N, C-alpha and C. Protein backbone atom coordinates (compact mmCIF):
# COMPACT_ATOMS: atom_id res chain seq x y z
N MET A 1 -51.76 21.83 -35.09
CA MET A 1 -50.38 21.34 -35.91
C MET A 1 -49.67 20.51 -34.85
N SER A 2 -49.44 19.25 -34.59
CA SER A 2 -48.44 18.53 -34.06
C SER A 2 -46.83 18.76 -34.34
N THR A 3 -46.17 18.71 -33.29
CA THR A 3 -44.80 19.12 -33.63
C THR A 3 -44.16 17.45 -33.00
N LEU A 4 -43.29 17.00 -34.04
CA LEU A 4 -42.59 15.68 -33.42
C LEU A 4 -41.42 16.04 -33.15
N LEU A 5 -40.79 15.33 -32.23
CA LEU A 5 -39.47 15.16 -31.89
C LEU A 5 -38.63 14.31 -31.96
N ARG A 6 -37.37 14.25 -32.59
CA ARG A 6 -36.69 12.96 -32.97
C ARG A 6 -35.94 12.41 -31.41
N ALA A 7 -35.61 10.91 -31.29
CA ALA A 7 -35.13 10.81 -29.91
C ALA A 7 -34.16 11.36 -29.55
N SER A 8 -33.20 11.74 -30.40
CA SER A 8 -32.05 12.21 -30.05
C SER A 8 -32.37 14.02 -29.51
N GLU A 9 -33.46 14.51 -29.68
CA GLU A 9 -33.94 15.94 -29.68
C GLU A 9 -34.71 15.84 -27.84
N LEU A 10 -35.19 14.50 -27.69
CA LEU A 10 -36.33 13.92 -26.60
C LEU A 10 -35.32 13.96 -25.48
N ARG A 11 -33.91 13.31 -25.55
CA ARG A 11 -33.12 12.63 -24.78
C ARG A 11 -31.92 13.85 -24.22
N HIS A 12 -32.07 14.74 -25.03
CA HIS A 12 -31.06 15.96 -25.08
C HIS A 12 -32.23 17.31 -23.70
N ILE A 13 -33.44 17.09 -24.33
CA ILE A 13 -34.39 18.05 -23.47
C ILE A 13 -34.04 17.20 -22.16
N ALA A 14 -34.35 15.61 -21.82
CA ALA A 14 -34.35 15.39 -21.00
C ALA A 14 -33.34 14.65 -19.76
N LEU A 15 -31.90 14.82 -20.56
CA LEU A 15 -30.95 14.43 -19.95
C LEU A 15 -29.58 15.33 -20.26
N GLY A 16 -29.86 16.08 -21.60
CA GLY A 16 -28.58 17.06 -21.34
C GLY A 16 -27.66 16.33 -22.70
N VAL A 17 -26.29 17.19 -22.80
CA VAL A 17 -25.76 16.44 -23.90
C VAL A 17 -25.38 15.02 -23.72
N ARG A 18 -24.88 14.45 -24.59
CA ARG A 18 -24.49 13.09 -24.74
C ARG A 18 -23.49 13.20 -25.35
N VAL A 19 -22.30 12.52 -24.81
CA VAL A 19 -20.94 11.71 -25.20
C VAL A 19 -20.45 10.76 -24.92
N GLU A 20 -20.18 9.98 -25.53
CA GLU A 20 -19.12 8.45 -25.52
C GLU A 20 -17.72 8.27 -25.77
N LYS A 21 -17.42 6.97 -25.12
CA LYS A 21 -15.87 7.01 -25.27
C LYS A 21 -15.76 5.16 -24.80
N SER A 22 -14.79 4.86 -25.96
CA SER A 22 -14.57 3.49 -25.55
C SER A 22 -13.15 3.04 -24.80
N THR A 23 -13.27 2.46 -23.79
CA THR A 23 -12.04 2.07 -23.07
C THR A 23 -10.96 1.66 -23.80
N GLY A 24 -11.35 0.56 -24.74
CA GLY A 24 -10.43 0.23 -24.99
C GLY A 24 -10.55 -0.98 -25.05
N THR A 25 -9.05 -1.66 -25.09
CA THR A 25 -8.64 -3.26 -24.81
C THR A 25 -8.44 -2.68 -23.26
N LEU A 26 -9.30 -3.32 -21.85
CA LEU A 26 -9.03 -2.62 -21.07
C LEU A 26 -7.86 -3.37 -20.22
N ALA A 27 -6.76 -2.73 -19.54
CA ALA A 27 -5.25 -3.34 -18.97
C ALA A 27 -5.66 -2.73 -17.73
N ALA A 28 -4.13 -3.52 -17.15
CA ALA A 28 -4.47 -2.60 -15.64
C ALA A 28 -3.03 -1.42 -15.10
N THR A 29 -4.83 -0.59 -15.53
CA THR A 29 -4.46 0.85 -15.11
C THR A 29 -5.53 1.37 -15.32
N THR A 30 -5.41 2.82 -14.59
CA THR A 30 -6.03 4.26 -15.16
C THR A 30 -6.10 4.62 -16.29
N ILE A 31 -7.19 5.22 -17.09
CA ILE A 31 -7.38 5.63 -18.29
C ILE A 31 -7.84 6.87 -17.75
N PRO A 32 -8.10 8.03 -18.43
CA PRO A 32 -8.96 8.81 -18.73
C PRO A 32 -10.49 8.70 -19.75
N LEU A 33 -11.38 8.83 -19.39
CA LEU A 33 -12.80 8.43 -20.10
C LEU A 33 -13.13 10.18 -20.95
N PHE A 34 -13.33 10.86 -19.53
CA PHE A 34 -13.81 11.98 -20.00
C PHE A 34 -13.21 13.32 -19.75
N THR A 35 -12.83 14.43 -20.30
CA THR A 35 -12.86 15.68 -19.50
C THR A 35 -13.75 16.83 -19.47
N ILE A 36 -13.44 16.87 -18.57
CA ILE A 36 -14.34 18.48 -17.74
C ILE A 36 -13.89 19.50 -17.70
N SER A 37 -14.16 20.58 -18.72
CA SER A 37 -13.99 21.89 -18.18
C SER A 37 -14.09 22.62 -18.55
N GLY A 38 -14.10 24.11 -17.91
CA GLY A 38 -14.45 25.20 -18.00
C GLY A 38 -15.47 25.47 -16.49
N GLY A 39 -15.64 24.29 -15.69
CA GLY A 39 -16.36 24.90 -14.61
C GLY A 39 -17.56 23.40 -14.19
N LEU A 40 -18.26 24.22 -13.61
CA LEU A 40 -19.61 22.70 -12.60
C LEU A 40 -20.83 21.97 -14.06
N VAL A 41 -20.69 20.53 -13.70
CA VAL A 41 -21.55 20.37 -14.93
C VAL A 41 -22.40 19.45 -13.90
N ILE A 42 -23.33 18.76 -14.42
CA ILE A 42 -24.41 18.00 -13.51
C ILE A 42 -24.32 16.28 -14.47
N VAL A 43 -23.60 15.26 -13.97
CA VAL A 43 -23.52 14.58 -14.84
C VAL A 43 -25.19 13.58 -14.86
N THR A 44 -25.98 13.83 -15.83
CA THR A 44 -27.02 13.23 -15.38
C THR A 44 -27.23 11.50 -15.66
N SER A 45 -26.64 10.73 -16.40
CA SER A 45 -26.71 9.36 -16.85
C SER A 45 -24.75 9.27 -17.13
N LEU A 46 -24.91 7.54 -17.11
CA LEU A 46 -23.27 6.81 -17.19
C LEU A 46 -23.47 5.98 -16.99
N VAL A 47 -23.41 5.35 -18.25
CA VAL A 47 -23.97 3.83 -18.81
C VAL A 47 -23.04 3.14 -19.42
N GLY A 48 -22.69 2.11 -19.12
CA GLY A 48 -21.73 0.85 -20.24
C GLY A 48 -22.45 0.39 -20.97
N ARG A 49 -21.67 -0.36 -21.96
CA ARG A 49 -21.96 -1.32 -22.84
C ARG A 49 -20.69 -2.12 -22.61
N VAL A 50 -20.43 -3.36 -22.46
CA VAL A 50 -19.53 -3.97 -22.99
C VAL A 50 -19.67 -4.49 -24.40
N THR A 51 -18.90 -4.45 -25.29
CA THR A 51 -18.65 -4.55 -26.47
C THR A 51 -17.53 -5.09 -27.38
N THR A 52 -16.86 -5.95 -25.96
CA THR A 52 -15.79 -7.17 -25.95
C THR A 52 -16.03 -8.06 -25.11
N ALA A 53 -16.21 -9.08 -24.84
CA ALA A 53 -16.54 -10.31 -23.30
C ALA A 53 -15.42 -9.29 -22.67
N ILE A 54 -15.33 -9.67 -21.29
CA ILE A 54 -14.56 -9.79 -19.68
C ILE A 54 -14.35 -10.94 -19.41
N THR A 55 -13.65 -10.95 -19.78
CA THR A 55 -13.01 -12.93 -19.38
C THR A 55 -12.15 -13.32 -18.22
N VAL A 56 -11.48 -12.33 -17.85
CA VAL A 56 -10.24 -12.45 -16.66
C VAL A 56 -10.55 -11.89 -15.40
N ALA A 57 -10.03 -12.02 -14.25
CA ALA A 57 -10.63 -11.17 -12.90
C ALA A 57 -10.45 -10.13 -13.20
N ASN A 58 -11.30 -9.28 -13.12
CA ASN A 58 -11.07 -7.86 -13.45
C ASN A 58 -11.53 -6.50 -12.10
N SER A 59 -11.02 -6.02 -11.24
CA SER A 59 -12.17 -5.47 -9.88
C SER A 59 -11.53 -3.98 -10.93
N TYR A 60 -12.92 -3.19 -10.61
CA TYR A 60 -13.16 -2.64 -11.99
C TYR A 60 -14.33 -1.43 -11.52
N LYS A 61 -13.73 -0.29 -11.54
CA LYS A 61 -14.36 1.34 -10.89
C LYS A 61 -14.08 2.12 -11.86
N LEU A 62 -14.92 3.40 -11.65
CA LEU A 62 -14.83 4.69 -12.08
C LEU A 62 -15.08 5.86 -10.91
N GLN A 63 -13.88 6.72 -11.58
CA GLN A 63 -13.65 7.76 -10.65
C GLN A 63 -13.71 9.22 -11.41
N HIS A 64 -13.80 10.16 -9.96
CA HIS A 64 -13.62 11.74 -10.61
C HIS A 64 -12.41 12.08 -10.64
N ASN A 65 -11.58 12.82 -11.14
CA ASN A 65 -10.07 12.66 -10.61
C ASN A 65 -10.22 14.13 -11.16
N PRO A 66 -10.51 15.26 -10.28
CA PRO A 66 -11.14 16.84 -10.02
C PRO A 66 -9.82 17.70 -10.89
N THR A 67 -9.62 18.55 -11.27
CA THR A 67 -8.19 19.56 -11.27
C THR A 67 -7.84 19.84 -10.29
N ALA A 68 -8.50 20.41 -9.11
CA ALA A 68 -8.15 20.66 -8.00
C ALA A 68 -9.26 19.81 -6.43
N GLY A 69 -8.82 19.12 -6.06
CA GLY A 69 -9.57 18.52 -5.28
C GLY A 69 -9.18 17.18 -4.67
N THR A 70 -10.00 16.31 -4.23
CA THR A 70 -9.43 15.09 -4.01
C THR A 70 -10.64 13.98 -5.66
N THR A 71 -9.39 12.93 -5.63
CA THR A 71 -10.03 12.20 -6.18
C THR A 71 -11.24 11.31 -5.73
N VAL A 72 -12.23 11.18 -6.17
CA VAL A 72 -13.76 10.31 -5.70
C VAL A 72 -14.17 9.33 -6.39
N ASP A 73 -14.30 8.14 -5.97
CA ASP A 73 -15.02 6.97 -6.71
C ASP A 73 -16.43 7.55 -6.68
N LEU A 74 -16.86 6.72 -8.75
CA LEU A 74 -18.17 6.90 -9.06
C LEU A 74 -19.36 6.05 -8.25
N CYS A 75 -18.32 4.86 -8.37
CA CYS A 75 -18.69 3.49 -7.65
C CYS A 75 -17.72 3.24 -7.14
N THR A 76 -18.47 1.51 -6.52
CA THR A 76 -16.92 0.85 -5.81
C THR A 76 -16.55 -0.23 -7.13
N ALA A 77 -15.37 -0.85 -6.32
CA ALA A 77 -14.95 -2.01 -7.67
C ALA A 77 -15.79 -3.11 -7.49
N ALA A 78 -15.93 -3.49 -8.70
CA ALA A 78 -16.54 -4.65 -8.91
C ALA A 78 -15.74 -5.32 -9.68
N ASP A 79 -15.90 -6.82 -9.51
CA ASP A 79 -15.37 -8.13 -10.15
C ASP A 79 -16.45 -8.20 -11.10
N LEU A 80 -15.61 -7.67 -12.68
CA LEU A 80 -15.91 -8.03 -13.38
C LEU A 80 -15.89 -9.73 -14.58
N GLY A 81 -14.80 -10.10 -14.15
CA GLY A 81 -14.33 -10.52 -15.60
C GLY A 81 -13.99 -12.24 -15.10
N THR A 82 -14.74 -12.86 -13.21
CA THR A 82 -14.96 -13.70 -12.81
C THR A 82 -15.27 -14.97 -13.43
N THR A 83 -16.90 -14.19 -13.36
CA THR A 83 -18.02 -14.72 -14.08
C THR A 83 -17.95 -14.08 -15.03
N ASP A 84 -17.83 -14.44 -16.26
CA ASP A 84 -17.40 -13.98 -17.64
C ASP A 84 -18.84 -12.57 -17.54
N THR A 85 -18.25 -11.47 -17.85
CA THR A 85 -19.22 -10.18 -18.49
C THR A 85 -19.69 -10.25 -20.19
N ALA A 86 -20.72 -10.78 -20.66
CA ALA A 86 -20.50 -11.14 -21.73
C ALA A 86 -20.98 -9.43 -22.67
N VAL A 87 -20.83 -9.58 -23.96
CA VAL A 87 -21.13 -9.04 -24.82
C VAL A 87 -22.31 -8.21 -25.43
N GLY A 88 -22.84 -7.03 -24.73
CA GLY A 88 -23.82 -6.50 -24.76
C GLY A 88 -24.32 -6.26 -23.34
N GLU A 89 -23.91 -6.57 -22.55
CA GLU A 89 -23.94 -6.42 -20.65
C GLU A 89 -24.14 -4.95 -21.00
N ILE A 90 -25.51 -4.15 -20.22
CA ILE A 90 -25.07 -2.76 -19.37
C ILE A 90 -24.61 -2.86 -18.29
N LEU A 91 -23.44 -1.63 -18.29
CA LEU A 91 -22.67 -1.63 -16.97
C LEU A 91 -23.61 -0.67 -16.58
N VAL A 92 -24.16 -0.22 -14.77
CA VAL A 92 -24.51 1.45 -14.54
C VAL A 92 -23.73 1.65 -13.27
N ALA A 93 -22.89 2.28 -13.47
CA ALA A 93 -22.28 3.46 -12.01
C ALA A 93 -23.25 3.77 -11.57
N LYS A 94 -22.98 3.59 -9.75
CA LYS A 94 -23.80 4.29 -8.96
C LYS A 94 -23.06 4.56 -7.97
N LYS A 95 -23.10 5.63 -7.35
CA LYS A 95 -22.05 6.49 -5.96
C LYS A 95 -22.56 5.20 -4.56
N GLY A 96 -21.35 4.89 -4.62
CA GLY A 96 -21.40 4.17 -3.34
C GLY A 96 -22.03 3.06 -3.26
N SER A 97 -22.10 2.04 -4.66
CA SER A 97 -22.33 0.96 -4.72
C SER A 97 -21.39 0.57 -5.88
N ALA A 98 -21.45 -1.35 -5.88
CA ALA A 98 -20.59 -1.52 -7.31
C ALA A 98 -21.29 -1.39 -8.49
N ILE A 99 -20.40 -1.39 -9.14
CA ILE A 99 -20.90 -1.39 -10.56
C ILE A 99 -21.93 -2.41 -11.12
N ALA A 100 -23.24 -2.01 -11.29
CA ALA A 100 -24.59 -3.21 -11.20
C ALA A 100 -24.41 -3.77 -12.89
N VAL A 101 -24.80 -5.02 -12.77
CA VAL A 101 -24.18 -5.10 -13.97
C VAL A 101 -26.06 -5.96 -14.84
N GLY A 102 -26.31 -5.08 -15.75
CA GLY A 102 -27.21 -5.63 -16.29
C GLY A 102 -28.53 -4.04 -16.08
N ALA A 103 -30.58 -4.22 -16.29
CA ALA A 103 -30.32 -3.36 -15.73
C ALA A 103 -30.57 -2.98 -14.60
N ALA A 104 -30.39 -1.73 -13.96
CA ALA A 104 -30.14 -1.02 -12.42
C ALA A 104 -30.63 0.24 -12.58
N ASP A 105 -30.69 1.04 -11.14
CA ASP A 105 -30.99 2.13 -11.14
C ASP A 105 -29.57 2.87 -10.67
N GLN A 106 -29.38 4.10 -11.51
CA GLN A 106 -28.06 4.83 -11.17
C GLN A 106 -28.63 6.05 -10.60
N ALA A 107 -27.27 6.41 -10.25
CA ALA A 107 -26.89 7.88 -10.03
C ALA A 107 -27.34 9.05 -10.65
N VAL A 108 -27.92 9.74 -10.12
CA VAL A 108 -28.33 11.20 -11.37
C VAL A 108 -28.09 11.95 -10.89
N ASN A 109 -27.98 13.22 -11.52
CA ASN A 109 -27.63 14.81 -11.37
C ASN A 109 -26.28 14.90 -9.82
N VAL A 110 -24.98 14.42 -10.51
CA VAL A 110 -24.05 14.10 -9.98
C VAL A 110 -23.26 15.59 -10.49
N VAL A 111 -23.01 16.27 -9.37
CA VAL A 111 -22.33 17.58 -10.18
C VAL A 111 -20.91 17.57 -9.66
N MET A 112 -19.83 17.71 -10.69
CA MET A 112 -18.78 17.16 -10.62
C MET A 112 -18.09 18.82 -11.36
N ASP A 113 -16.78 18.57 -11.00
CA ASP A 113 -16.34 19.91 -11.74
C ASP A 113 -15.08 19.55 -12.48
N SER A 114 -14.31 20.51 -12.75
CA SER A 114 -13.08 20.51 -13.79
C SER A 114 -12.69 18.90 -13.52
N GLY A 115 -11.70 18.37 -14.71
CA GLY A 115 -11.27 17.25 -14.31
C GLY A 115 -11.26 16.11 -15.40
N GLN A 116 -11.31 14.90 -14.93
CA GLN A 116 -11.47 13.71 -15.66
C GLN A 116 -12.40 12.93 -14.60
N ILE A 117 -12.90 12.41 -15.53
CA ILE A 117 -13.71 10.62 -15.10
C ILE A 117 -12.79 9.43 -15.61
N GLU A 118 -12.47 9.26 -15.21
CA GLU A 118 -11.52 7.76 -14.85
C GLU A 118 -11.74 6.33 -15.04
N SER A 119 -11.25 5.74 -15.89
CA SER A 119 -11.60 3.88 -15.95
C SER A 119 -10.55 3.30 -15.02
N VAL A 120 -10.77 2.49 -13.72
CA VAL A 120 -9.40 1.94 -13.07
C VAL A 120 -9.90 0.87 -13.23
N SER A 121 -8.86 -0.28 -13.58
CA SER A 121 -9.07 -1.46 -14.01
C SER A 121 -8.03 -2.44 -13.96
N ALA A 122 -8.45 -3.26 -13.50
CA ALA A 122 -6.88 -4.19 -12.39
C ALA A 122 -7.13 -5.86 -13.81
N GLY A 123 -7.90 -5.57 -14.47
CA GLY A 123 -7.76 -6.91 -15.64
C GLY A 123 -7.29 -6.42 -17.16
N THR A 124 -7.50 -7.63 -18.08
CA THR A 124 -6.71 -6.96 -18.85
C THR A 124 -6.94 -7.81 -20.26
N ASP A 125 -8.28 -7.99 -20.14
CA ASP A 125 -9.15 -7.75 -21.71
C ASP A 125 -10.94 -7.45 -21.74
N GLY A 126 -11.62 -7.30 -22.72
CA GLY A 126 -12.61 -6.64 -22.59
C GLY A 126 -12.41 -5.45 -22.98
N VAL A 127 -13.68 -4.85 -23.62
CA VAL A 127 -13.90 -3.39 -23.98
C VAL A 127 -14.92 -2.77 -23.60
N ILE A 128 -15.20 -1.68 -22.76
CA ILE A 128 -16.30 -1.30 -22.93
C ILE A 128 -17.13 0.37 -23.37
N LEU A 129 -17.90 0.69 -23.88
CA LEU A 129 -18.20 1.76 -24.48
C LEU A 129 -19.17 2.23 -23.88
N TRP A 130 -18.27 3.85 -23.32
CA TRP A 130 -18.95 4.18 -22.36
C TRP A 130 -19.80 5.73 -22.61
N ALA A 131 -21.33 6.16 -22.34
CA ALA A 131 -21.97 7.04 -22.60
C ALA A 131 -22.13 7.20 -21.37
N LEU A 132 -22.64 8.85 -21.36
CA LEU A 132 -22.87 10.24 -20.61
C LEU A 132 -23.52 11.37 -20.99
N THR A 133 -24.56 11.58 -19.78
CA THR A 133 -24.94 12.82 -20.73
C THR A 133 -24.93 13.85 -19.48
N TYR A 134 -25.34 15.44 -19.79
CA TYR A 134 -24.79 16.15 -18.41
C TYR A 134 -25.28 17.46 -19.23
N ILE A 135 -25.67 18.28 -18.30
CA ILE A 135 -25.97 19.74 -18.15
C ILE A 135 -25.26 20.51 -17.86
N PRO A 136 -24.69 21.41 -18.16
CA PRO A 136 -23.78 22.35 -17.68
C PRO A 136 -23.85 23.45 -16.80
N LEU A 137 -23.95 23.76 -15.57
CA LEU A 137 -24.00 24.20 -14.80
C LEU A 137 -23.37 25.99 -14.82
N GLU A 138 -22.34 25.93 -15.35
CA GLU A 138 -21.72 27.17 -15.62
C GLU A 138 -21.12 27.52 -16.99
N GLY A 139 -21.90 28.45 -17.64
CA GLY A 139 -21.30 28.88 -19.00
C GLY A 139 -19.96 28.46 -18.98
N GLY A 140 -19.79 28.05 -20.26
CA GLY A 140 -18.55 27.53 -21.51
C GLY A 140 -18.48 26.02 -20.56
N ALA A 141 -18.97 25.49 -19.45
CA ALA A 141 -18.65 23.82 -18.73
C ALA A 141 -19.09 22.97 -20.34
N SER A 142 -18.25 21.89 -19.74
CA SER A 142 -18.59 20.90 -21.07
C SER A 142 -17.87 19.65 -20.66
N ILE A 143 -18.09 18.47 -21.47
CA ILE A 143 -17.32 17.29 -21.32
C ILE A 143 -17.38 16.87 -22.37
N VAL A 144 -15.87 16.01 -22.40
CA VAL A 144 -15.91 15.83 -24.08
C VAL A 144 -14.95 14.48 -23.87
N ALA A 145 -14.97 13.71 -25.09
CA ALA A 145 -14.56 12.07 -24.91
C ALA A 145 -12.87 12.54 -24.55
N ALA A 146 -11.99 11.83 -23.50
CA ALA A 146 -10.70 11.78 -23.98
C ALA A 146 -9.67 11.69 -24.43
C-alpha cells in the first residue's frame, strides 16, 4: 500500500516548521520580522517575495539581533529600488552576500540563538513577504512572526 504525502508534510520533513511575516510598507527603519525564543534553532531557508513593487532607492538587508551577543548580518545590504524590484520577484538572503533578486543559492542550516531576525531598510516603498523554515535544536526553541 502506498502512502502519499501532502506538499506541506514533505516540506515539514525536509525543511522544518514554516513561519511567514510581511514587512508592511517599507520605511527607513529597522523592524523585527521574527522572534526566536527558547534556545538554539537551525534556520533552513529564508526567502522573500515582493508583494508591492520597490521603486525608490533602498539599501536593504536582514540581520540577526540576539538577546545576548552581537548583531550579525544575515546578508549584506543591496539596493533593491534604484532599478525597480517588481511584484513577484523572489529575494534570497545568503550570509556574506548581498540579497539576491531572482532564483539563487541560499545559506542553509544557519544556527541562531534567541533574539530577533530584523529587516533593515533605507527606502520608503514596497512590501516583502518573508518566509522561513526552521528546526529547533533545543527543546522548547521556536520562531514566531514578530
